[in-house]
């Protein structure tokens, strides 16, 4: 009798499958319940295939001391192959489902990581823009304030009591224009805040660019 019986091939194949799933179980650090169920089912299938093969060997008479051949033909499929196959199918599909879920979670984590990186870049840009804005606004506020304070001090200083009326008119005009420039700058800051809150509407109007440039040059010349 040849020992290379189909049941022996099934037994060896089951051992090979068991080794493959044991390696998978170790790879996932035993955190997948589906693999545990699959391994248990393969174990039952392996035991059943072993007894099925052992029955065909010369030592099969040892099994007949427990029950007859018809009894083993009932016990092995019912308590071995059937539950083992069901557990293998259930465990494998559960493991496959969890693997797909873990894959989706990894994809989501990568997307979240990219979003966080982009958010950090946006925060850096916003911080740089804020610093630039504060630097510009500091200059825009200081320039008219310096003019207002400077010429007000001149007009209030007793040493300059002999100033002519024309000078007083000139200095008063400078103070008035500087104050208007300061008020305009503050209005622009408030308008930017409204625009950021989406509560600001633009009003287009025609203006003379030369007058704006001359006014800026005049304010700056006071420095």
N, C-alpha and C. Protein backbone atom coordinates (compact mmCIF):
# COMPACT_ATOMS: atom_id res chain seq x y z
N UNK A 1 0.85 -1.20 0.00
CA UNK A 1 0.00 0.00 0.00
C UNK A 1 0.88 1.25 0.00
N UNK A 2 0.58 2.16 -0.87
CA UNK A 2 1.36 3.38 -0.95
C UNK A 2 0.93 4.34 0.14
N UNK A 3 1.93 4.93 0.79
CA UNK A 3 1.65 5.88 1.85
C UNK A 3 1.31 7.27 1.31
N UNK A 4 1.49 7.49 0.01
CA UNK A 4 1.16 8.78 -0.58
C UNK A 4 -0.32 8.79 -0.96
N UNK A 5 -1.12 8.65 0.04
CA UNK A 5 -2.57 8.63 -0.10
C UNK A 5 -3.09 10.07 -0.21
N UNK A 6 -4.23 10.31 -0.88
CA UNK A 6 -4.78 11.67 -0.94
C UNK A 6 -4.97 12.29 0.43
N UNK A 7 -5.31 11.48 1.42
CA UNK A 7 -5.46 12.02 2.77
C UNK A 7 -4.13 12.51 3.32
N UNK A 8 -3.04 11.85 2.91
CA UNK A 8 -1.72 12.29 3.33
C UNK A 8 -1.38 13.64 2.69
N UNK A 9 -1.74 13.79 1.41
CA UNK A 9 -1.51 15.07 0.71
C UNK A 9 -2.30 16.18 1.40
N UNK A 10 -3.54 15.87 1.77
CA UNK A 10 -4.37 16.85 2.47
C UNK A 10 -3.76 17.21 3.82
N UNK A 11 -3.23 16.21 4.50
CA UNK A 11 -2.61 16.45 5.81
C UNK A 11 -1.38 17.37 5.67
N UNK A 12 -0.53 17.08 4.67
CA UNK A 12 0.68 17.90 4.45
C UNK A 12 0.29 19.31 4.03
N UNK A 13 -0.73 19.42 3.16
CA UNK A 13 -1.18 20.74 2.72
C UNK A 13 -1.72 21.55 3.89
N UNK A 14 -2.43 20.87 4.80
CA UNK A 14 -2.96 21.56 5.97
C UNK A 14 -1.83 22.07 6.86
N UNK A 15 -0.76 21.28 6.99
CA UNK A 15 0.39 21.72 7.77
C UNK A 15 1.02 22.97 7.14
N UNK A 16 1.13 22.96 5.82
CA UNK A 16 1.70 24.11 5.12
C UNK A 16 0.84 25.35 5.34
N UNK A 17 -0.48 25.21 5.23
CA UNK A 17 -1.38 26.34 5.45
C UNK A 17 -1.27 26.83 6.89
N UNK A 18 -1.15 25.89 7.83
CA UNK A 18 -1.01 26.26 9.24
C UNK A 18 0.25 27.09 9.46
N UNK A 19 1.35 26.71 8.82
CA UNK A 19 2.61 27.45 8.96
C UNK A 19 2.45 28.87 8.41
N UNK A 20 1.78 28.98 7.25
CA UNK A 20 1.58 30.30 6.64
C UNK A 20 0.79 31.22 7.57
N UNK A 21 -0.30 30.71 8.16
CA UNK A 21 -1.14 31.55 9.02
C UNK A 21 -0.47 31.83 10.36
N UNK A 22 0.36 30.93 10.83
CA UNK A 22 1.11 31.20 12.06
C UNK A 22 2.07 32.36 11.84
N UNK A 23 2.72 32.38 10.66
CA UNK A 23 3.62 33.49 10.34
C UNK A 23 2.84 34.80 10.23
N UNK A 24 1.63 34.75 9.63
CA UNK A 24 0.80 35.95 9.57
C UNK A 24 0.39 36.40 10.96
N UNK A 25 0.07 35.43 11.82
CA UNK A 25 -0.35 35.76 13.18
C UNK A 25 0.77 36.45 13.94
N UNK A 26 2.00 35.97 13.75
CA UNK A 26 3.15 36.61 14.41
C UNK A 26 3.43 37.99 13.81
N UNK A 27 3.20 38.13 12.50
CA UNK A 27 3.45 39.41 11.85
C UNK A 27 2.54 40.49 12.39
N UNK A 28 1.28 40.13 12.68
CA UNK A 28 0.32 41.09 13.21
C UNK A 28 0.31 41.12 14.73
N UNK A 29 1.32 40.49 15.36
CA UNK A 29 1.47 40.48 16.83
C UNK A 29 0.24 39.90 17.53
N UNK A 30 -0.49 39.04 16.87
CA UNK A 30 -1.63 38.39 17.50
C UNK A 30 -2.79 39.31 17.81
N UNK A 31 -2.87 40.45 17.11
CA UNK A 31 -3.93 41.42 17.40
C UNK A 31 -5.18 41.22 16.53
N UNK A 32 -5.17 40.25 15.65
CA UNK A 32 -6.30 40.02 14.76
C UNK A 32 -7.05 38.79 15.24
N UNK A 33 -8.28 38.98 15.71
CA UNK A 33 -9.07 37.87 16.23
C UNK A 33 -9.41 36.86 15.12
N UNK A 34 -9.59 37.37 13.89
CA UNK A 34 -9.91 36.48 12.79
C UNK A 34 -8.83 35.44 12.55
N UNK A 35 -7.57 35.82 12.74
CA UNK A 35 -6.48 34.86 12.57
C UNK A 35 -6.50 33.80 13.66
N UNK A 36 -6.91 34.19 14.86
CA UNK A 36 -7.00 33.19 15.94
C UNK A 36 -8.04 32.14 15.60
N UNK A 37 -9.20 32.59 15.12
CA UNK A 37 -10.26 31.66 14.74
C UNK A 37 -9.80 30.79 13.58
N UNK A 38 -9.10 31.40 12.62
CA UNK A 38 -8.60 30.64 11.47
C UNK A 38 -7.61 29.58 11.91
N UNK A 39 -6.70 29.93 12.80
CA UNK A 39 -5.72 28.96 13.29
C UNK A 39 -6.40 27.81 14.03
N UNK A 40 -7.42 28.13 14.81
CA UNK A 40 -8.14 27.07 15.52
C UNK A 40 -8.84 26.14 14.54
N UNK A 41 -9.45 26.73 13.49
CA UNK A 41 -10.10 25.91 12.47
C UNK A 41 -9.10 25.05 11.71
N UNK A 42 -7.93 25.61 11.38
CA UNK A 42 -6.91 24.83 10.69
C UNK A 42 -6.43 23.69 11.59
N UNK A 43 -6.35 23.97 12.91
CA UNK A 43 -5.96 22.91 13.85
C UNK A 43 -6.94 21.76 13.83
N UNK A 44 -8.24 22.07 13.86
CA UNK A 44 -9.26 21.02 13.78
C UNK A 44 -9.16 20.26 12.45
N UNK A 45 -8.98 21.01 11.37
CA UNK A 45 -8.87 20.40 10.06
C UNK A 45 -7.63 19.50 10.00
N UNK A 46 -6.54 19.95 10.62
CA UNK A 46 -5.31 19.16 10.64
C UNK A 46 -5.49 17.86 11.41
N UNK A 47 -6.14 17.92 12.55
CA UNK A 47 -6.38 16.71 13.35
C UNK A 47 -7.26 15.73 12.58
N UNK A 48 -8.31 16.30 11.93
CA UNK A 48 -9.20 15.42 11.17
C UNK A 48 -8.48 14.75 10.02
N UNK A 49 -7.66 15.52 9.29
CA UNK A 49 -6.93 14.94 8.16
C UNK A 49 -5.91 13.91 8.63
N UNK A 50 -5.33 14.15 9.82
CA UNK A 50 -4.37 13.19 10.36
C UNK A 50 -5.06 11.86 10.66
N UNK A 51 -6.19 11.90 11.36
CA UNK A 51 -6.90 10.66 11.67
C UNK A 51 -7.41 9.98 10.40
N UNK A 52 -7.83 10.78 9.43
CA UNK A 52 -8.31 10.22 8.18
C UNK A 52 -7.19 9.49 7.45
N UNK A 53 -5.98 10.07 7.49
CA UNK A 53 -4.83 9.41 6.87
C UNK A 53 -4.36 8.22 7.70
N UNK A 54 -4.35 8.41 9.02
CA UNK A 54 -3.87 7.34 9.90
C UNK A 54 -4.72 6.09 9.77
N UNK A 55 -6.01 6.30 9.45
CA UNK A 55 -6.93 5.17 9.30
C UNK A 55 -6.54 4.29 8.13
N UNK A 56 -5.86 4.89 7.12
CA UNK A 56 -5.48 4.15 5.93
C UNK A 56 -4.11 3.49 6.06
N UNK A 57 -3.40 3.74 7.11
CA UNK A 57 -2.08 3.14 7.33
C UNK A 57 -2.21 1.78 8.00
N UNK A 58 -1.12 1.04 8.04
CA UNK A 58 -1.17 -0.27 8.73
C UNK A 58 -1.52 -0.14 10.21
N UNK A 59 -1.35 1.04 10.77
CA UNK A 59 -1.66 1.22 12.19
C UNK A 59 -3.12 1.64 12.42
N UNK A 60 -3.89 1.60 11.33
CA UNK A 60 -5.28 2.02 11.45
C UNK A 60 -6.09 1.11 12.35
N UNK A 61 -5.60 -0.13 12.58
CA UNK A 61 -6.35 -1.04 13.45
C UNK A 61 -6.45 -0.50 14.87
N UNK A 62 -5.50 0.39 15.25
CA UNK A 62 -5.56 0.98 16.59
C UNK A 62 -6.82 1.84 16.74
N UNK A 63 -7.20 2.51 15.66
CA UNK A 63 -8.40 3.33 15.71
C UNK A 63 -9.65 2.47 15.80
N UNK A 64 -9.58 1.26 15.23
CA UNK A 64 -10.75 0.38 15.26
C UNK A 64 -11.01 -0.17 16.65
N UNK A 65 -10.04 -0.04 17.54
CA UNK A 65 -10.27 -0.48 18.91
C UNK A 65 -11.21 0.48 19.65
N UNK A 66 -11.34 1.72 19.11
CA UNK A 66 -12.23 2.71 19.71
C UNK A 66 -13.63 2.57 19.15
N UNK A 67 -13.72 2.56 17.82
CA UNK A 67 -14.99 2.38 17.13
C UNK A 67 -14.71 1.83 15.75
N UNK A 68 -15.74 1.41 15.06
CA UNK A 68 -15.53 0.81 13.74
C UNK A 68 -15.31 1.89 12.69
N UNK A 69 -15.07 1.44 11.45
CA UNK A 69 -14.76 2.37 10.36
C UNK A 69 -15.91 3.32 10.08
N UNK A 70 -17.15 2.81 10.16
CA UNK A 70 -18.31 3.68 9.93
C UNK A 70 -18.40 4.77 10.99
N UNK A 71 -18.00 4.43 12.22
CA UNK A 71 -18.03 5.42 13.29
C UNK A 71 -17.02 6.53 13.05
N UNK A 72 -15.81 6.13 12.60
CA UNK A 72 -14.80 7.15 12.30
C UNK A 72 -15.21 8.00 11.09
N UNK A 73 -15.86 7.35 10.11
CA UNK A 73 -16.33 8.10 8.95
C UNK A 73 -17.38 9.14 9.34
N UNK A 74 -18.03 8.95 10.46
CA UNK A 74 -19.00 9.93 10.97
C UNK A 74 -18.33 10.98 11.86
N UNK A 75 -17.41 10.51 12.73
CA UNK A 75 -16.78 11.41 13.70
C UNK A 75 -15.86 12.41 13.01
N UNK A 76 -15.02 11.94 12.10
CA UNK A 76 -14.01 12.81 11.49
C UNK A 76 -14.64 13.97 10.72
N UNK A 77 -15.63 13.75 9.83
CA UNK A 77 -16.22 14.90 9.13
C UNK A 77 -17.03 15.81 10.06
N UNK A 78 -17.82 15.20 10.96
CA UNK A 78 -18.73 15.99 11.79
C UNK A 78 -17.97 16.83 12.82
N UNK A 79 -16.97 16.23 13.46
CA UNK A 79 -16.26 16.93 14.52
C UNK A 79 -14.88 17.47 14.09
N UNK A 80 -14.51 17.24 12.84
CA UNK A 80 -13.22 17.71 12.36
C UNK A 80 -13.32 18.63 11.15
N UNK A 81 -13.65 18.03 10.00
CA UNK A 81 -13.67 18.79 8.76
C UNK A 81 -14.74 19.90 8.77
N UNK A 82 -15.95 19.56 9.19
CA UNK A 82 -17.05 20.53 9.12
C UNK A 82 -16.81 21.75 10.00
N UNK A 83 -16.57 21.57 11.34
CA UNK A 83 -16.32 22.77 12.16
C UNK A 83 -15.01 23.46 11.80
N UNK A 84 -13.99 22.66 11.41
CA UNK A 84 -12.72 23.27 11.02
C UNK A 84 -12.87 24.13 9.80
N UNK A 85 -13.60 23.62 8.77
CA UNK A 85 -13.81 24.41 7.56
C UNK A 85 -14.61 25.67 7.82
N UNK A 86 -15.66 25.55 8.67
CA UNK A 86 -16.47 26.73 9.00
C UNK A 86 -15.64 27.78 9.73
N UNK A 87 -14.83 27.34 10.69
CA UNK A 87 -14.00 28.28 11.44
C UNK A 87 -12.96 28.93 10.54
N UNK A 88 -12.40 28.15 9.60
CA UNK A 88 -11.41 28.72 8.67
C UNK A 88 -12.06 29.81 7.82
N UNK A 89 -13.24 29.52 7.26
CA UNK A 89 -13.92 30.51 6.42
C UNK A 89 -14.30 31.76 7.21
N UNK A 90 -14.89 31.54 8.40
CA UNK A 90 -15.30 32.68 9.21
C UNK A 90 -14.09 33.52 9.64
N UNK A 91 -13.06 32.84 10.13
CA UNK A 91 -11.87 33.56 10.59
C UNK A 91 -11.15 34.28 9.48
N UNK A 92 -11.07 33.64 8.30
CA UNK A 92 -10.36 34.26 7.18
C UNK A 92 -11.08 35.52 6.71
N UNK A 93 -12.40 35.44 6.57
CA UNK A 93 -13.15 36.62 6.12
C UNK A 93 -13.13 37.72 7.16
N UNK A 94 -13.15 37.34 8.44
CA UNK A 94 -13.06 38.36 9.49
C UNK A 94 -11.69 39.03 9.46
N UNK A 95 -10.65 38.24 9.25
CA UNK A 95 -9.29 38.80 9.15
C UNK A 95 -9.17 39.69 7.92
N UNK A 96 -9.76 39.24 6.80
CA UNK A 96 -9.70 40.04 5.57
C UNK A 96 -10.43 41.37 5.77
N UNK A 97 -11.59 41.32 6.44
CA UNK A 97 -12.35 42.54 6.69
C UNK A 97 -11.56 43.50 7.57
N UNK A 98 -10.95 42.97 8.64
CA UNK A 98 -10.17 43.82 9.53
C UNK A 98 -8.94 44.38 8.82
N UNK A 99 -8.36 43.60 7.92
CA UNK A 99 -7.20 44.08 7.15
C UNK A 99 -7.59 45.26 6.28
N UNK A 100 -8.76 45.16 5.63
CA UNK A 100 -9.23 46.27 4.80
C UNK A 100 -9.54 47.50 5.65
N UNK A 101 -10.11 47.26 6.86
CA UNK A 101 -10.40 48.38 7.76
C UNK A 101 -9.11 49.06 8.19
N UNK A 102 -8.09 48.24 8.53
CA UNK A 102 -6.80 48.81 8.93
C UNK A 102 -6.16 49.58 7.78
N UNK A 103 -6.32 49.07 6.56
CA UNK A 103 -5.78 49.76 5.40
C UNK A 103 -6.45 51.11 5.22
N UNK A 104 -7.79 51.14 5.38
CA UNK A 104 -8.51 52.40 5.28
C UNK A 104 -8.07 53.38 6.36
N UNK A 105 -7.84 52.86 7.58
CA UNK A 105 -7.39 53.72 8.67
C UNK A 105 -6.01 54.31 8.37
N UNK A 106 -5.13 53.49 7.76
CA UNK A 106 -3.81 53.98 7.40
C UNK A 106 -3.91 55.08 6.35
N UNK A 107 -4.81 54.89 5.39
CA UNK A 107 -5.00 55.92 4.36
C UNK A 107 -5.53 57.20 5.00
N UNK A 108 -6.51 57.05 5.92
CA UNK A 108 -7.06 58.22 6.60
C UNK A 108 -6.00 58.93 7.43
N UNK A 109 -5.15 58.16 8.09
CA UNK A 109 -4.08 58.76 8.89
C UNK A 109 -3.11 59.52 8.01
N UNK A 110 -2.80 58.97 6.83
CA UNK A 110 -1.90 59.67 5.92
C UNK A 110 -2.54 60.98 5.45
N UNK A 111 -3.85 60.93 5.16
CA UNK A 111 -4.53 62.16 4.74
C UNK A 111 -4.54 63.19 5.86
N UNK A 112 -4.81 62.72 7.09
CA UNK A 112 -4.81 63.64 8.23
C UNK A 112 -3.42 64.22 8.46
N UNK A 113 -2.40 63.38 8.30
CA UNK A 113 -1.02 63.86 8.46
C UNK A 113 -0.69 64.93 7.42
N UNK A 114 -1.12 64.71 6.17
CA UNK A 114 -0.90 65.71 5.13
C UNK A 114 -1.65 67.00 5.43
N UNK A 115 -2.88 66.86 5.93
CA UNK A 115 -3.66 68.04 6.29
C UNK A 115 -3.00 68.81 7.43
N UNK A 116 -2.44 68.08 8.40
CA UNK A 116 -1.76 68.75 9.51
C UNK A 116 -0.51 69.48 9.03
N UNK A 117 0.23 68.83 8.12
CA UNK A 117 1.42 69.49 7.57
C UNK A 117 1.03 70.76 6.82
N UNK A 118 -0.06 70.67 6.02
CA UNK A 118 -0.51 71.84 5.29
C UNK A 118 -1.00 72.92 6.24
N UNK A 119 -1.66 72.49 7.34
CA UNK A 119 -2.13 73.46 8.33
C UNK A 119 -0.95 74.17 8.99
N UNK A 120 0.13 73.43 9.27
CA UNK A 120 1.33 74.05 9.85
C UNK A 120 1.94 75.06 8.89
N UNK A 121 1.95 74.69 7.59
CA UNK A 121 2.47 75.63 6.58
C UNK A 121 1.61 76.89 6.52
N UNK A 122 0.28 76.68 6.57
CA UNK A 122 -0.64 77.83 6.53
C UNK A 122 -0.47 78.71 7.76
N UNK A 123 -0.28 78.08 8.93
CA UNK A 123 -0.07 78.85 10.16
C UNK A 123 1.21 79.66 10.07
N UNK A 124 2.27 79.05 9.51
CA UNK A 124 3.52 79.77 9.34
C UNK A 124 3.37 80.96 8.41
N UNK A 125 2.63 80.76 7.32
CA UNK A 125 2.40 81.87 6.39
C UNK A 125 1.57 82.97 7.05
N UNK A 126 0.55 82.54 7.81
CA UNK A 126 -0.30 83.53 8.48
C UNK A 126 0.50 84.31 9.51
N UNK A 127 1.39 83.62 10.23
CA UNK A 127 2.22 84.31 11.22
C UNK A 127 3.17 85.29 10.55
N UNK A 128 3.74 84.87 9.40
CA UNK A 128 4.63 85.78 8.67
C UNK A 128 3.86 87.00 8.16
N UNK A 129 2.64 86.75 7.64
CA UNK A 129 1.82 87.87 7.16
C UNK A 129 1.43 88.80 8.31
N UNK A 130 1.15 88.20 9.48
CA UNK A 130 0.80 89.03 10.64
C UNK A 130 1.97 89.91 11.05
N UNK A 131 3.18 89.33 11.07
CA UNK A 131 4.36 90.11 11.45
C UNK A 131 4.61 91.24 10.46
N UNK A 132 4.44 90.93 9.17
CA UNK A 132 4.63 91.96 8.15
C UNK A 132 3.58 93.05 8.28
N UNK A 133 2.33 92.63 8.57
CA UNK A 133 1.24 93.60 8.75
C UNK A 133 1.51 94.50 9.94
N UNK A 134 1.95 93.91 11.07
CA UNK A 134 2.23 94.70 12.25
C UNK A 134 3.37 95.68 12.01
N UNK A 135 4.39 95.24 11.26
CA UNK A 135 5.51 96.12 10.96
C UNK A 135 5.06 97.30 10.09
N UNK A 136 4.24 96.99 9.08
CA UNK A 136 3.74 98.05 8.19
C UNK A 136 2.82 99.01 8.94
N UNK A 137 1.91 98.46 9.74
CA UNK A 137 0.97 99.30 10.48
C UNK A 137 1.70 100.16 11.51
N UNK A 138 2.75 99.61 12.11
CA UNK A 138 3.53 100.40 13.06
C UNK A 138 4.11 101.63 12.39
N UNK A 139 4.61 101.45 11.18
CA UNK A 139 5.17 102.58 10.44
C UNK A 139 4.07 103.56 10.03
N UNK A 140 2.94 103.00 9.57
CA UNK A 140 1.85 103.86 9.11
C UNK A 140 1.24 104.66 10.26
N UNK A 141 1.24 104.11 11.46
CA UNK A 141 0.67 104.82 12.61
C UNK A 141 1.67 105.81 13.21
N UNK A 142 2.94 105.43 13.22
CA UNK A 142 3.95 106.31 13.82
C UNK A 142 4.16 107.59 13.01
N UNK A 143 4.12 107.46 11.69
CA UNK A 143 4.42 108.63 10.85
C UNK A 143 3.48 109.80 11.11
N UNK A 144 2.15 109.64 11.02
CA UNK A 144 1.28 110.80 11.32
C UNK A 144 1.29 111.19 12.79
N UNK A 145 1.47 110.20 13.69
CA UNK A 145 1.53 110.53 15.12
C UNK A 145 2.74 111.41 15.43
N UNK A 146 3.88 111.08 14.81
CA UNK A 146 5.08 111.90 15.03
C UNK A 146 4.85 113.33 14.54
N UNK A 147 4.16 113.45 13.41
CA UNK A 147 3.89 114.80 12.89
C UNK A 147 2.96 115.57 13.82
N UNK A 148 1.92 114.90 14.30
CA UNK A 148 0.96 115.56 15.20
C UNK A 148 1.65 116.00 16.48
N UNK A 149 2.39 115.06 17.10
CA UNK A 149 3.05 115.38 18.37
C UNK A 149 4.12 116.44 18.18
N UNK A 150 4.91 116.29 17.11
CA UNK A 150 6.02 117.22 16.87
C UNK A 150 5.55 118.65 16.67
N UNK A 151 4.59 118.85 15.78
CA UNK A 151 4.14 120.23 15.51
C UNK A 151 3.26 120.77 16.63
N UNK A 152 2.56 119.90 17.35
CA UNK A 152 1.81 120.36 18.51
C UNK A 152 2.75 120.85 19.60
N UNK A 153 3.88 120.13 19.78
CA UNK A 153 4.88 120.56 20.78
C UNK A 153 5.48 121.91 20.39
N UNK A 154 5.72 122.08 19.08
CA UNK A 154 6.29 123.36 18.62
C UNK A 154 5.34 124.51 18.92
N UNK A 155 4.06 124.28 18.63
CA UNK A 155 3.09 125.35 18.84
C UNK A 155 2.84 125.62 20.31
N UNK A 156 3.07 124.60 21.17
CA UNK A 156 2.84 124.79 22.60
C UNK A 156 4.08 125.26 23.35
N UNK A 157 5.23 125.24 22.70
CA UNK A 157 6.49 125.61 23.37
C UNK A 157 6.60 127.14 23.42
N UNK A 158 6.82 127.72 24.62
CA UNK A 158 6.95 129.19 24.74
C UNK A 158 8.09 129.76 23.90
N UNK A 159 9.10 128.96 23.65
CA UNK A 159 10.24 129.46 22.87
C UNK A 159 9.80 129.85 21.46
N UNK A 160 8.73 129.23 20.97
CA UNK A 160 8.28 129.52 19.62
C UNK A 160 7.04 130.42 19.62
N UNK A 161 6.91 131.27 20.67
CA UNK A 161 5.75 132.15 20.78
C UNK A 161 5.73 133.20 19.68
N UNK A 162 6.92 133.43 19.14
CA UNK A 162 7.03 134.47 18.12
C UNK A 162 6.69 133.96 16.72
N UNK A 163 6.15 132.77 16.64
CA UNK A 163 5.79 132.24 15.33
C UNK A 163 4.72 133.12 14.68
N UNK A 164 4.85 133.30 13.42
CA UNK A 164 3.89 134.12 12.70
C UNK A 164 2.57 133.37 12.54
N UNK A 165 1.54 134.13 12.23
CA UNK A 165 0.23 133.52 12.02
C UNK A 165 0.26 132.54 10.86
N UNK A 166 1.06 132.84 9.85
CA UNK A 166 1.16 131.94 8.70
C UNK A 166 1.73 130.59 9.11
N UNK A 167 2.74 130.63 10.02
CA UNK A 167 3.35 129.39 10.50
C UNK A 167 2.33 128.57 11.31
N UNK A 168 1.56 129.30 12.15
CA UNK A 168 0.55 128.61 12.93
C UNK A 168 -0.47 127.93 12.00
N UNK A 169 -0.85 128.64 10.96
CA UNK A 169 -1.79 128.07 10.00
C UNK A 169 -1.17 126.85 9.30
N UNK A 170 0.11 126.97 8.93
CA UNK A 170 0.79 125.87 8.25
C UNK A 170 0.89 124.65 9.17
N UNK A 171 1.33 124.91 10.43
CA UNK A 171 1.49 123.79 11.36
C UNK A 171 0.15 123.16 11.71
N UNK A 172 -0.87 124.01 11.85
CA UNK A 172 -2.20 123.48 12.13
C UNK A 172 -2.70 122.61 10.98
N UNK A 173 -2.40 123.02 9.75
CA UNK A 173 -2.77 122.23 8.58
C UNK A 173 -2.07 120.90 8.56
N UNK A 174 -0.76 120.93 8.95
CA UNK A 174 0.00 119.67 8.99
C UNK A 174 -0.60 118.73 10.02
N UNK A 175 -0.92 119.29 11.21
CA UNK A 175 -1.52 118.46 12.25
C UNK A 175 -2.86 117.90 11.80
N UNK A 176 -3.67 118.73 11.14
CA UNK A 176 -4.97 118.27 10.66
C UNK A 176 -4.83 117.16 9.62
N UNK A 177 -3.91 117.35 8.65
CA UNK A 177 -3.71 116.33 7.64
C UNK A 177 -3.16 115.03 8.23
N UNK A 178 -2.25 115.18 9.19
CA UNK A 178 -1.68 113.98 9.84
C UNK A 178 -2.74 113.24 10.62
N UNK A 179 -3.62 113.99 11.31
CA UNK A 179 -4.70 113.36 12.06
C UNK A 179 -5.66 112.65 11.11
N UNK A 180 -5.95 113.28 9.97
CA UNK A 180 -6.82 112.64 8.99
C UNK A 180 -6.18 111.37 8.43
N UNK A 181 -4.85 111.44 8.20
CA UNK A 181 -4.13 110.26 7.72
C UNK A 181 -4.17 109.14 8.74
N UNK A 182 -4.01 109.49 10.03
CA UNK A 182 -4.05 108.50 11.10
C UNK A 182 -5.45 107.87 11.19
N UNK A 183 -6.48 108.72 11.11
CA UNK A 183 -7.84 108.21 11.16
C UNK A 183 -8.13 107.30 9.97
N UNK A 184 -7.64 107.66 8.81
CA UNK A 184 -7.83 106.83 7.62
C UNK A 184 -7.15 105.47 7.76
N UNK A 185 -5.95 105.46 8.35
CA UNK A 185 -5.23 104.20 8.57
C UNK A 185 -5.99 103.30 9.53
N UNK A 186 -6.51 103.89 10.62
CA UNK A 186 -7.29 103.11 11.59
C UNK A 186 -8.56 102.56 10.93
N UNK A 187 -9.20 103.38 10.09
CA UNK A 187 -10.38 102.90 9.37
C UNK A 187 -10.05 101.72 8.47
N UNK A 188 -8.89 101.76 7.83
CA UNK A 188 -8.48 100.65 6.97
C UNK A 188 -8.25 99.38 7.76
N UNK A 189 -7.67 99.54 8.96
CA UNK A 189 -7.47 98.36 9.81
C UNK A 189 -8.81 97.74 10.20
N UNK A 190 -9.76 98.59 10.57
CA UNK A 190 -11.09 98.09 10.94
C UNK A 190 -11.79 97.47 9.73
N UNK A 191 -11.58 98.05 8.56
CA UNK A 191 -12.17 97.48 7.35
C UNK A 191 -11.60 96.11 7.04
N UNK A 192 -10.29 95.94 7.28
CA UNK A 192 -9.68 94.63 7.08
C UNK A 192 -10.27 93.60 8.03
N UNK A 193 -10.54 94.01 9.28
CA UNK A 193 -11.16 93.10 10.24
C UNK A 193 -12.56 92.70 9.78
N UNK A 194 -13.31 93.67 9.24
CA UNK A 194 -14.65 93.36 8.73
C UNK A 194 -14.58 92.44 7.52
N UNK A 195 -13.58 92.69 6.67
CA UNK A 195 -13.43 91.84 5.48
C UNK A 195 -13.08 90.41 5.88
N UNK A 196 -12.26 90.26 6.91
CA UNK A 196 -11.91 88.93 7.38
C UNK A 196 -13.12 88.20 7.93
N UNK A 197 -14.07 88.95 8.50
CA UNK A 197 -15.30 88.36 9.04
C UNK A 197 -16.39 88.28 7.98
N UNK A 198 -16.04 88.56 6.71
CA UNK A 198 -16.98 88.50 5.58
C UNK A 198 -18.18 89.43 5.80
N UNK A 199 -17.94 90.57 6.42
CA UNK A 199 -19.00 91.53 6.67
C UNK A 199 -18.69 92.88 6.01
N UNK A 200 -17.82 92.87 5.02
CA UNK A 200 -17.38 94.12 4.41
C UNK A 200 -17.66 94.05 2.91
N UNK A 201 -18.25 95.10 2.39
CA UNK A 201 -18.51 95.18 0.96
C UNK A 201 -17.70 96.33 0.37
N UNK A 202 -17.11 96.11 -0.78
CA UNK A 202 -16.27 97.09 -1.43
C UNK A 202 -17.12 98.12 -2.18
N UNK A 203 -16.67 99.36 -2.11
CA UNK A 203 -17.32 100.45 -2.86
C UNK A 203 -16.28 101.07 -3.78
N UNK A 204 -16.48 100.92 -5.06
CA UNK A 204 -15.52 101.43 -6.03
C UNK A 204 -15.78 102.91 -6.29
N UNK A 205 -14.71 103.69 -6.39
CA UNK A 205 -14.84 105.11 -6.70
C UNK A 205 -13.60 105.58 -7.46
N UNK A 206 -13.74 106.61 -8.23
CA UNK A 206 -12.64 107.17 -9.00
C UNK A 206 -11.87 108.17 -8.13
N UNK A 207 -10.55 108.12 -8.15
CA UNK A 207 -9.74 109.06 -7.38
C UNK A 207 -8.52 109.45 -8.21
N UNK A 208 -7.92 110.55 -7.77
CA UNK A 208 -6.72 111.06 -8.47
C UNK A 208 -5.48 110.48 -7.82
N UNK A 209 -4.75 109.67 -8.55
CA UNK A 209 -3.57 109.03 -8.01
C UNK A 209 -2.49 110.05 -7.67
N UNK A 210 -2.39 111.12 -8.45
CA UNK A 210 -1.37 112.15 -8.20
C UNK A 210 -1.59 112.81 -6.85
N UNK A 211 -2.86 113.09 -6.50
CA UNK A 211 -3.13 113.71 -5.21
C UNK A 211 -2.74 112.79 -4.06
N UNK A 212 -3.01 111.49 -4.21
CA UNK A 212 -2.65 110.53 -3.16
C UNK A 212 -1.14 110.46 -2.99
N UNK A 213 -0.41 110.42 -4.11
CA UNK A 213 1.06 110.36 -4.04
C UNK A 213 1.62 111.63 -3.41
N UNK A 214 1.13 112.80 -3.82
CA UNK A 214 1.61 114.06 -3.25
C UNK A 214 1.35 114.14 -1.76
N UNK A 215 0.19 113.67 -1.33
CA UNK A 215 -0.12 113.69 0.10
C UNK A 215 0.82 112.78 0.87
N UNK A 216 1.09 111.58 0.30
CA UNK A 216 2.04 110.66 0.96
C UNK A 216 3.43 111.27 1.04
N UNK A 217 3.87 111.91 -0.05
CA UNK A 217 5.18 112.55 -0.05
C UNK A 217 5.25 113.68 0.97
N UNK A 218 4.15 114.39 1.11
CA UNK A 218 4.14 115.50 2.07
C UNK A 218 4.23 114.98 3.50
N UNK A 219 3.46 113.94 3.80
CA UNK A 219 3.50 113.36 5.15
C UNK A 219 4.88 112.78 5.44
N UNK A 220 5.47 112.10 4.46
CA UNK A 220 6.77 111.48 4.67
C UNK A 220 7.85 112.52 4.78
N UNK A 221 7.71 113.64 4.11
CA UNK A 221 8.75 114.68 4.16
C UNK A 221 8.87 115.28 5.56
N UNK A 222 7.82 115.14 6.37
CA UNK A 222 7.87 115.69 7.73
C UNK A 222 8.86 114.94 8.61
N UNK A 223 9.27 113.70 8.18
CA UNK A 223 10.21 112.95 8.97
C UNK A 223 11.58 113.62 8.99
